[in-house]
């Protein structure tokens, strides 16, 4: 493998460290928040989140079909 390619890959990975650390801290914080709630509250939060994600995916699929129809 070319040494320039290895250097660029290492630089790109190092630039993502702050994002990975931030995401890890957010996940730990949310995990702690989940532990402070009852099982029913956690279940309701999960169901609500899945519903929102499903609506987002549905919107993305509709947008893709709309773009495909224009082409």
PDB file of N, CA and C in Angstrom:
ATOM      1  N   UNK A   1       0.846  -1.179   0.000  1.00  0.00           N
ATOM      2  CA  UNK A   1       0.000   0.000   0.000  1.00  0.00           C
ATOM      3  C   UNK A   1       0.888   1.237   0.000  1.00  0.00           C
ATOM      4  N   UNK A   2       0.487   2.264  -0.680  1.00  0.00           N
ATOM      5  CA  UNK A   2       1.232   3.504  -0.776  1.00  0.00           C
ATOM      6  C   UNK A   2       1.286   4.188   0.586  1.00  0.00           C
ATOM      7  N   UNK A   3       2.459   4.740   0.939  1.00  0.00           N
ATOM      8  CA  UNK A   3       2.604   5.378   2.255  1.00  0.00           C
ATOM      9  C   UNK A   3       1.751   6.636   2.362  1.00  0.00           C
ATOM     10  N   UNK A   4       1.548   7.355   1.232  1.00  0.00           N
ATOM     11  CA  UNK A   4       0.682   8.532   1.262  1.00  0.00           C
ATOM     12  C   UNK A   4      -0.747   8.142   1.605  1.00  0.00           C
ATOM     13  N   UNK A   5      -1.187   7.028   1.084  1.00  0.00           N
ATOM     14  CA  UNK A   5      -2.542   6.560   1.345  1.00  0.00           C
ATOM     15  C   UNK A   5      -2.705   6.207   2.822  1.00  0.00           C
ATOM     16  N   UNK A   6      -1.676   5.588   3.409  1.00  0.00           N
ATOM     17  CA  UNK A   6      -1.737   5.219   4.820  1.00  0.00           C
ATOM     18  C   UNK A   6      -1.774   6.460   5.699  1.00  0.00           C
ATOM     19  N   UNK A   7      -1.000   7.489   5.339  1.00  0.00           N
ATOM     20  CA  UNK A   7      -0.970   8.727   6.110  1.00  0.00           C
ATOM     21  C   UNK A   7      -2.324   9.415   6.056  1.00  0.00           C
ATOM     22  N   UNK A   8      -2.923   9.487   4.869  1.00  0.00           N
ATOM     23  CA  UNK A   8      -4.230  10.129   4.728  1.00  0.00           C
ATOM     24  C   UNK A   8      -5.291   9.380   5.525  1.00  0.00           C
ATOM     25  N   UNK A   9      -5.236   8.059   5.507  1.00  0.00           N
ATOM     26  CA  UNK A   9      -6.209   7.270   6.258  1.00  0.00           C
ATOM     27  C   UNK A   9      -6.059   7.522   7.749  1.00  0.00           C
ATOM     28  N   UNK A  10      -4.823   7.567   8.230  1.00  0.00           N
ATOM     29  CA  UNK A  10      -4.586   7.813   9.651  1.00  0.00           C
ATOM     30  C   UNK A  10      -5.072   9.200  10.042  1.00  0.00           C
ATOM     31  N   UNK A  11      -4.844  10.197   9.179  1.00  0.00           N
ATOM     32  CA  UNK A  11      -5.294  11.554   9.474  1.00  0.00           C
ATOM     33  C   UNK A  11      -6.816  11.614   9.538  1.00  0.00           C
ATOM     34  N   UNK A  12      -7.479  10.927   8.627  1.00  0.00           N
ATOM     35  CA  UNK A  12      -8.938  10.926   8.628  1.00  0.00           C
ATOM     36  C   UNK A  12      -9.484  10.270   9.888  1.00  0.00           C
ATOM     37  N   UNK A  13      -8.864   9.173  10.304  1.00  0.00           N
ATOM     38  CA  UNK A  13      -9.336   8.491  11.502  1.00  0.00           C
ATOM     39  C   UNK A  13      -9.113   9.346  12.737  1.00  0.00           C
ATOM     40  N   UNK A  14      -7.969  10.037  12.826  1.00  0.00           N
ATOM     41  CA  UNK A  14      -7.692  10.888  13.975  1.00  0.00           C
ATOM     42  C   UNK A  14      -8.646  12.069  14.025  1.00  0.00           C
ATOM     43  N   UNK A  15      -9.088  12.553  12.875  1.00  0.00           N
ATOM     44  CA  UNK A  15     -10.016  13.683  12.871  1.00  0.00           C
ATOM     45  C   UNK A  15     -11.385  13.271  13.390  1.00  0.00           C
ATOM     46  N   UNK A  16     -11.683  11.974  13.399  1.00  0.00           N
ATOM     47  CA  UNK A  16     -12.969  11.486  13.894  1.00  0.00           C
ATOM     48  C   UNK A  16     -12.961  11.198  15.389  1.00  0.00           C
ATOM     49  N   UNK A  17     -11.792  11.266  16.043  1.00  0.00           N
ATOM     50  CA  UNK A  17     -11.728  10.959  17.471  1.00  0.00           C
ATOM     51  C   UNK A  17     -12.665  11.816  18.306  1.00  0.00           C
ATOM     52  N   UNK A  18     -12.701  13.146  18.122  1.00  0.00           N
ATOM     53  CA  UNK A  18     -13.626  13.943  18.950  1.00  0.00           C
ATOM     54  C   UNK A  18     -15.078  13.505  18.778  1.00  0.00           C
ATOM     55  N   UNK A  19     -15.477  13.173  17.563  1.00  0.00           N
ATOM     56  CA  UNK A  19     -16.849  12.717  17.332  1.00  0.00           C
ATOM     57  C   UNK A  19     -17.113  11.388  18.033  1.00  0.00           C
ATOM     58  N   UNK A  20     -16.147  10.480  17.979  1.00  0.00           N
ATOM     59  CA  UNK A  20     -16.322   9.177  18.623  1.00  0.00           C
ATOM     60  C   UNK A  20     -16.406   9.337  20.137  1.00  0.00           C
ATOM     61  N   UNK A  21     -15.571  10.202  20.695  1.00  0.00           N
ATOM     62  CA  UNK A  21     -15.602  10.444  22.136  1.00  0.00           C
ATOM     63  C   UNK A  21     -16.924  11.084  22.525  1.00  0.00           C
ATOM     64  N   UNK A  22     -17.352  12.071  21.756  1.00  0.00           N
ATOM     65  CA  UNK A  22     -18.625  12.743  22.041  1.00  0.00           C
ATOM     66  C   UNK A  22     -19.786  11.753  21.972  1.00  0.00           C
ATOM     67  N   UNK A  23     -19.803  10.922  20.948  1.00  0.00           N
ATOM     68  CA  UNK A  23     -20.879   9.935  20.810  1.00  0.00           C
ATOM     69  C   UNK A  23     -20.857   8.928  21.955  1.00  0.00           C
ATOM     70  N   UNK A  24     -19.668   8.533  22.386  1.00  0.00           N
ATOM     71  CA  UNK A  24     -19.556   7.613  23.513  1.00  0.00           C
ATOM     72  C   UNK A  24     -20.080   8.228  24.800  1.00  0.00           C
ATOM     73  N   UNK A  25     -19.754   9.504  25.022  1.00  0.00           N
ATOM     74  CA  UNK A  25     -20.247  10.195  26.214  1.00  0.00           C
ATOM     75  C   UNK A  25     -21.760  10.363  26.173  1.00  0.00           C
ATOM     76  N   UNK A  26     -22.283  10.675  24.998  1.00  0.00           N
ATOM     77  CA  UNK A  26     -23.744  10.791  24.864  1.00  0.00           C
ATOM     78  C   UNK A  26     -24.425   9.457  25.147  1.00  0.00           C
ATOM     79  N   UNK A  27     -23.859   8.381  24.616  1.00  0.00           N
ATOM     80  CA  UNK A  27     -24.443   7.054  24.843  1.00  0.00           C
ATOM     81  C   UNK A  27     -24.412   6.702  26.327  1.00  0.00           C
ATOM     82  N   UNK A  28     -23.295   6.997  27.001  1.00  0.00           N
ATOM     83  CA  UNK A  28     -23.202   6.713  28.438  1.00  0.00           C
ATOM     84  C   UNK A  28     -24.218   7.535  29.217  1.00  0.00           C
ATOM     85  N   UNK A  29     -24.376   8.796  28.839  1.00  0.00           N
ATOM     86  CA  UNK A  29     -25.350   9.659  29.515  1.00  0.00           C
ATOM     87  C   UNK A  29     -26.769   9.127  29.330  1.00  0.00           C
ATOM     88  N   UNK A  30     -27.108   8.757  28.098  1.00  0.00           N
ATOM     89  CA  UNK A  30     -28.450   8.246  27.829  1.00  0.00           C
ATOM     90  C   UNK A  30     -28.681   6.905  28.529  1.00  0.00           C
ATOM     91  N   UNK A  31     -27.643   6.072  28.586  1.00  0.00           N
ATOM     92  CA  UNK A  31     -27.771   4.803  29.295  1.00  0.00           C
ATOM     93  C   UNK A  31     -28.056   5.049  30.774  1.00  0.00           C
ATOM     94  N   UNK A  32     -27.347   6.020  31.362  1.00  0.00           N
ATOM     95  CA  UNK A  32     -27.586   6.354  32.766  1.00  0.00           C
ATOM     96  C   UNK A  32     -29.007   6.876  32.959  1.00  0.00           C
ATOM     97  N   UNK A  33     -29.484   7.695  32.019  1.00  0.00           N
ATOM     98  CA  UNK A  33     -30.847   8.213  32.109  1.00  0.00           C
ATOM     99  C   UNK A  33     -31.865   7.079  32.051  1.00  0.00           C
ATOM    100  N   UNK A  34     -31.607   6.076  31.213  1.00  0.00           N
ATOM    101  CA  UNK A  34     -32.523   4.943  31.106  1.00  0.00           C
ATOM    102  C   UNK A  34     -32.573   4.151  32.410  1.00  0.00           C
ATOM    103  N   UNK A  35     -31.440   4.050  33.095  1.00  0.00           N
ATOM    104  CA  UNK A  35     -31.410   3.303  34.349  1.00  0.00           C
ATOM    105  C   UNK A  35     -32.208   3.997  35.442  1.00  0.00           C
ATOM    106  N   UNK A  36     -32.370   5.312  35.336  1.00  0.00           N
ATOM    107  CA  UNK A  36     -33.093   6.073  36.349  1.00  0.00           C
ATOM    108  C   UNK A  36     -34.607   5.976  36.186  1.00  0.00           C
ATOM    109  N   UNK A  37     -35.087   5.394  35.099  1.00  0.00           N
ATOM    110  CA  UNK A  37     -36.520   5.325  34.820  1.00  0.00           C
ATOM    111  C   UNK A  37     -37.040   3.905  34.996  1.00  0.00           C
ATOM    112  N   UNK A  38     -38.359   3.798  35.087  1.00  0.00           N
ATOM    113  CA  UNK A  38     -38.977   2.475  35.206  1.00  0.00           C
ATOM    114  C   UNK A  38     -38.939   1.764  33.855  1.00  0.00           C
ATOM    115  N   UNK A  39     -39.186   0.472  33.880  1.00  0.00           N
ATOM    116  CA  UNK A  39     -39.170  -0.327  32.651  1.00  0.00           C
ATOM    117  C   UNK A  39     -40.233   0.167  31.675  1.00  0.00           C
ATOM    118  N   UNK A  40     -41.400   0.528  32.175  1.00  0.00           N
ATOM    119  CA  UNK A  40     -42.468   1.009  31.296  1.00  0.00           C
ATOM    120  C   UNK A  40     -42.085   2.316  30.618  1.00  0.00           C
ATOM    121  N   UNK A  41     -41.402   3.206  31.332  1.00  0.00           N
ATOM    122  CA  UNK A  41     -40.971   4.473  30.731  1.00  0.00           C
ATOM    123  C   UNK A  41     -39.924   4.230  29.650  1.00  0.00           C
ATOM    124  N   UNK A  42     -39.003   3.318  29.916  1.00  0.00           N
ATOM    125  CA  UNK A  42     -37.973   2.983  28.929  1.00  0.00           C
ATOM    126  C   UNK A  42     -38.612   2.349  27.700  1.00  0.00           C
ATOM    127  N   UNK A  43     -39.539   1.432  27.924  1.00  0.00           N
ATOM    128  CA  UNK A  43     -40.230   0.784  26.807  1.00  0.00           C
ATOM    129  C   UNK A  43     -40.989   1.805  25.975  1.00  0.00           C
ATOM    130  N   UNK A  44     -41.688   2.728  26.630  1.00  0.00           N
ATOM    131  CA  UNK A  44     -42.436   3.762  25.920  1.00  0.00           C
ATOM    132  C   UNK A  44     -41.488   4.658  25.118  1.00  0.00           C
ATOM    133  N   UNK A  45     -40.337   5.014  25.713  1.00  0.00           N
ATOM    134  CA  UNK A  45     -39.359   5.842  25.005  1.00  0.00           C
ATOM    135  C   UNK A  45     -38.826   5.107  23.776  1.00  0.00           C
ATOM    136  N   UNK A  46     -38.571   3.803  23.897  1.00  0.00           N
ATOM    137  CA  UNK A  46     -38.075   3.015  22.764  1.00  0.00           C
ATOM    138  C   UNK A  46     -39.119   2.917  21.656  1.00  0.00           C
ATOM    139  N   UNK A  47     -40.361   2.666  22.039  1.00  0.00           N
ATOM    140  CA  UNK A  47     -41.433   2.565  21.046  1.00  0.00           C
ATOM    141  C   UNK A  47     -41.619   3.901  20.334  1.00  0.00           C
ATOM    142  N   UNK A  48     -41.592   4.993  21.096  1.00  0.00           N
ATOM    143  CA  UNK A  48     -41.738   6.322  20.499  1.00  0.00           C
ATOM    144  C   UNK A  48     -40.595   6.612  19.534  1.00  0.00           C
ATOM    145  N   UNK A  49     -39.373   6.274  19.937  1.00  0.00           N
ATOM    146  CA  UNK A  49     -38.216   6.498  19.072  1.00  0.00           C
ATOM    147  C   UNK A  49     -38.312   5.665  17.801  1.00  0.00           C
ATOM    148  N   UNK A  50     -38.709   4.406  17.925  1.00  0.00           N
ATOM    149  CA  UNK A  50     -38.853   3.557  16.742  1.00  0.00           C
ATOM    150  C   UNK A  50     -39.929   4.101  15.807  1.00  0.00           C
ATOM    151  N   UNK A  51     -41.006   4.626  16.364  1.00  0.00           N
ATOM    152  CA  UNK A  51     -42.072   5.219  15.557  1.00  0.00           C
ATOM    153  C   UNK A  51     -41.537   6.425  14.787  1.00  0.00           C
ATOM    154  N   UNK A  52     -40.763   7.272  15.474  1.00  0.00           N
ATOM    155  CA  UNK A  52     -40.197   8.453  14.817  1.00  0.00           C
ATOM    156  C   UNK A  52     -39.224   8.042  13.720  1.00  0.00           C
ATOM    157  N   UNK A  53     -38.381   7.035  13.988  1.00  0.00           N
ATOM    158  CA  UNK A  53     -37.438   6.562  12.976  1.00  0.00           C
ATOM    159  C   UNK A  53     -38.165   5.977  11.772  1.00  0.00           C
ATOM    160  N   UNK A  54     -39.234   5.231  12.028  1.00  0.00           N
ATOM    161  CA  UNK A  54     -40.021   4.661  10.935  1.00  0.00           C
ATOM    162  C   UNK A  54     -40.616   5.773  10.070  1.00  0.00           C
ATOM    163  N   UNK A  55     -41.114   6.829  10.704  1.00  0.00           N
ATOM    164  CA  UNK A  55     -41.659   7.954   9.946  1.00  0.00           C
ATOM    165  C   UNK A  55     -40.577   8.651   9.126  1.00  0.00           C
ATOM    166  N   UNK A  56     -39.368   8.769   9.688  1.00  0.00           N
ATOM    167  CA  UNK A  56     -38.262   9.376   8.939  1.00  0.00           C
ATOM    168  C   UNK A  56     -37.894   8.532   7.723  1.00  0.00           C
ATOM    169  N   UNK A  57     -37.790   7.224   7.918  1.00  0.00           N
ATOM    170  CA  UNK A  57     -37.459   6.326   6.807  1.00  0.00           C
ATOM    171  C   UNK A  57     -38.555   6.379   5.755  1.00  0.00           C
ATOM    172  N   UNK A  58     -39.805   6.408   6.195  1.00  0.00           N
ATOM    173  CA  UNK A  58     -40.925   6.495   5.258  1.00  0.00           C
ATOM    174  C   UNK A  58     -40.837   7.788   4.439  1.00  0.00           C
ATOM    175  N   UNK A  59     -40.499   8.895   5.093  1.00  0.00           N
ATOM    176  CA  UNK A  59     -40.346  10.168   4.387  1.00  0.00           C
ATOM    177  C   UNK A  59     -39.210  10.132   3.384  1.00  0.00           C
ATOM    178  N   UNK A  60     -38.110   9.485   3.757  1.00  0.00           N
ATOM    179  CA  UNK A  60     -36.970   9.371   2.840  1.00  0.00           C
ATOM    180  C   UNK A  60     -37.350   8.528   1.628  1.00  0.00           C
ATOM    181  N   UNK A  61     -38.046   7.430   1.859  1.00  0.00           N
ATOM    182  CA  UNK A  61     -38.469   6.564   0.748  1.00  0.00           C
ATOM    183  C   UNK A  61     -39.423   7.310  -0.179  1.00  0.00           C
ATOM    184  N   UNK A  62     -40.359   8.069   0.389  1.00  0.00           N
ATOM    185  CA  UNK A  62     -41.276   8.853  -0.441  1.00  0.00           C
ATOM    186  C   UNK A  62     -40.515   9.889  -1.265  1.00  0.00           C
ATOM    187  N   UNK A  63     -39.508  10.516  -0.667  1.00  0.00           N
ATOM    188  CA  UNK A  63     -38.714  11.507  -1.394  1.00  0.00           C
ATOM    189  C   UNK A  63     -37.935  10.854  -2.532  1.00  0.00           C
ATOM    190  N   UNK A  64     -37.394   9.674  -2.286  1.00  0.00           N
ATOM    191  CA  UNK A  64     -36.650   8.960  -3.332  1.00  0.00           C
ATOM    192  C   UNK A  64     -37.575   8.590  -4.483  1.00  0.00           C
ATOM    193  N   UNK A  65     -38.757   8.064  -4.172  1.00  0.00           N
ATOM    194  CA  UNK A  65     -39.711   7.723  -5.229  1.00  0.00           C
ATOM    195  C   UNK A  65     -40.137   8.963  -6.003  1.00  0.00           C
ATOM    196  N   UNK A  66     -40.308  10.075  -5.305  1.00  0.00           N
ATOM    197  CA  UNK A  66     -40.690  11.318  -5.966  1.00  0.00           C
ATOM    198  C   UNK A  66     -39.600  11.771  -6.935  1.00  0.00           C
ATOM    199  N   UNK A  67     -38.343  11.656  -6.497  1.00  0.00           N
ATOM    200  CA  UNK A  67     -37.234  12.029  -7.377  1.00  0.00           C
ATOM    201  C   UNK A  67     -37.131  11.082  -8.565  1.00  0.00           C
ATOM    202  N   UNK A  68     -37.358   9.805  -8.331  1.00  0.00           N
ATOM    203  CA  UNK A  68     -37.294   8.824  -9.425  1.00  0.00           C
ATOM    204  C   UNK A  68     -38.380   9.085 -10.460  1.00  0.00           C
ATOM    205  N   UNK A  69     -39.543   9.528 -10.033  1.00  0.00           N
ATOM    206  CA  UNK A  69     -40.624   9.808 -10.967  1.00  0.00           C
ATOM    207  C   UNK A  69     -40.319  11.026 -11.824  1.00  0.00           C
ATOM    208  N   UNK A  70     -39.538  11.948 -11.309  1.00  0.00           N
ATOM    209  CA  UNK A  70     -39.189  13.154 -12.072  1.00  0.00           C
ATOM    210  C   UNK A  70     -38.158  12.868 -13.150  1.00  0.00           C
ATOM    211  N   UNK A  71     -37.393  11.815 -12.975  1.00  0.00           N
ATOM    212  CA  UNK A  71     -36.314  11.505 -13.924  1.00  0.00           C
ATOM    213  C   UNK A  71     -36.867  10.831 -15.148  1.00  0.00           C
TER     214      UNK A  71
END
